Structures are given as structure tokens and as C-alpha cells.
Amino acid sequence: MPSIVNNTDEWFAMLKRAASAGVKKLVLADPGRSPFLKLVDKCYKRWDCDMHTWYCLEPKRFTGSLLIVNLDKKAD
């Protein structure tokens, strides 16, 4: 799979291919880097999406984002 760091367009193309193949839902996780947030913006314009913040405390404190994309529902 392409690295999310520099390939937002490639990740978006992969999501479009998944939708064309009949995938109904995808969940992507990222620590919240700016290319991921750009992908989130593109997805919100095309599909019904939700973004959630997550964190864990052990073994170290980590935070990030989950993007849930409903590929079978278009954005309003």
C-alpha cells in the first residue's frame, strides 16, 4: 500500500477503486499527519464519513485519528 505521507491522491484513488469493487465501509487510522487530514477533506466531499480521535495510555501515550468511510453512501 502507498505511504499516506506523500500520496494522498493515491490513497483516494484506492478508496474509489474499493467503492467500485463493492466495498461498503473502510476504516483508516493515522496519528493525525497533515496528508491524512487532506485525505479526510477529500473523502468528506465524496462520501458519508466520520472522523474520531483515539488515544491510548500504555505502553506510552499515543493519539491519532480514525476515518470511517461509508463508500456506499454519497456525501450530502
Protein backbone atom coordinates (compact mmCIF):
# COMPACT_ATOMS: atom_id res chain seq x y z
CA MET A 1 0.00 0.00 0.00
CA PRO A 2 1.18 3.53 -0.63
CA SER A 3 2.54 5.64 2.19
CA ILE A 4 -0.02 8.19 3.39
CA VAL A 5 2.80 10.69 3.92
CA ASN A 6 3.11 11.83 0.29
CA ASN A 7 0.42 10.00 -1.64
CA THR A 8 -2.96 11.42 -0.68
CA ASP A 9 -4.15 11.17 -4.30
CA GLU A 10 -3.11 7.51 -4.50
CA TRP A 11 -4.97 6.70 -1.29
CA PHE A 12 -8.05 8.50 -2.61
CA ALA A 13 -7.81 6.51 -5.86
CA MET A 14 -7.60 3.31 -3.81
CA LEU A 15 -10.80 4.29 -1.97
CA LYS A 16 -12.55 4.92 -5.30
CA ARG A 17 -11.42 1.50 -6.57
CA ALA A 18 -12.70 -0.12 -3.37
CA ALA A 19 -16.08 1.60 -3.83
CA SER A 20 -16.22 0.39 -7.45
CA ALA A 21 -15.46 -3.15 -6.26
CA GLY A 22 -18.42 -3.08 -3.87
CA VAL A 23 -16.65 -2.38 -0.57
CA LYS A 24 -19.17 -0.70 1.71
CA LYS A 25 -17.02 0.61 4.57
CA LEU A 26 -13.35 1.30 5.23
CA VAL A 27 -11.63 2.37 8.42
CA LEU A 28 -8.26 4.14 8.20
CA ALA A 29 -6.08 5.06 11.16
CA ASP A 30 -3.33 7.68 11.32
CA PRO A 31 -1.54 9.65 14.02
CA GLY A 32 -3.04 12.83 12.54
CA ARG A 33 -0.49 13.89 9.94
CA SER A 34 -1.48 16.69 7.56
CA PRO A 35 -1.64 14.46 4.42
CA PHE A 36 -4.14 12.24 6.25
CA LEU A 37 -6.22 15.30 7.11
CA LYS A 38 -6.17 16.30 3.42
CA LEU A 39 -7.45 12.82 2.59
CA VAL A 40 -10.20 13.26 5.18
CA ASP A 41 -11.28 16.51 3.48
CA LYS A 42 -11.42 14.82 0.07
CA CYS A 43 -13.41 11.90 1.45
CA TYR A 44 -15.93 14.18 3.21
CA LYS A 45 -16.67 15.83 -0.14
CA ARG A 46 -17.42 12.48 -1.83
CA TRP A 47 -18.76 10.02 0.79
CA ASP A 48 -20.52 9.86 4.12
CA CYS A 49 -17.63 9.87 6.63
CA ASP A 50 -16.89 10.14 10.32
CA MET A 51 -13.57 11.02 11.92
CA HIS A 52 -12.84 10.09 15.52
CA THR A 53 -9.90 10.89 17.75
CA TRP A 54 -8.38 7.96 19.63
CA TYR A 55 -5.72 7.59 22.27
CA CYS A 56 -4.01 5.02 24.43
CA LEU A 57 -2.05 5.44 27.63
CA GLU A 58 0.05 2.27 27.70
CA PRO A 59 2.78 1.39 26.99
CA LYS A 60 3.17 5.07 26.01
CA ARG A 61 0.70 7.85 25.36
CA PHE A 62 -0.37 7.86 21.71
CA THR A 63 -3.06 9.83 19.92
CA GLY A 64 -4.44 9.63 16.43
CA SER A 65 -7.47 9.71 14.18
CA LEU A 66 -9.81 7.10 12.76
CA LEU A 67 -11.54 7.83 9.47
CA ILE A 68 -14.64 5.72 8.84
CA VAL A 69 -15.72 5.98 5.22
CA ASN A 70 -19.12 4.67 4.13
CA LEU A 71 -18.32 4.03 0.48
CA ASP A 72 -21.90 3.04 -0.34
CA LYS A 73 -23.28 6.47 0.71
CA LYS A 74 -22.54 9.72 -1.12
CA ALA A 75 -21.93 12.97 0.75
CA ASP A 76 -24.88 15.32 1.14
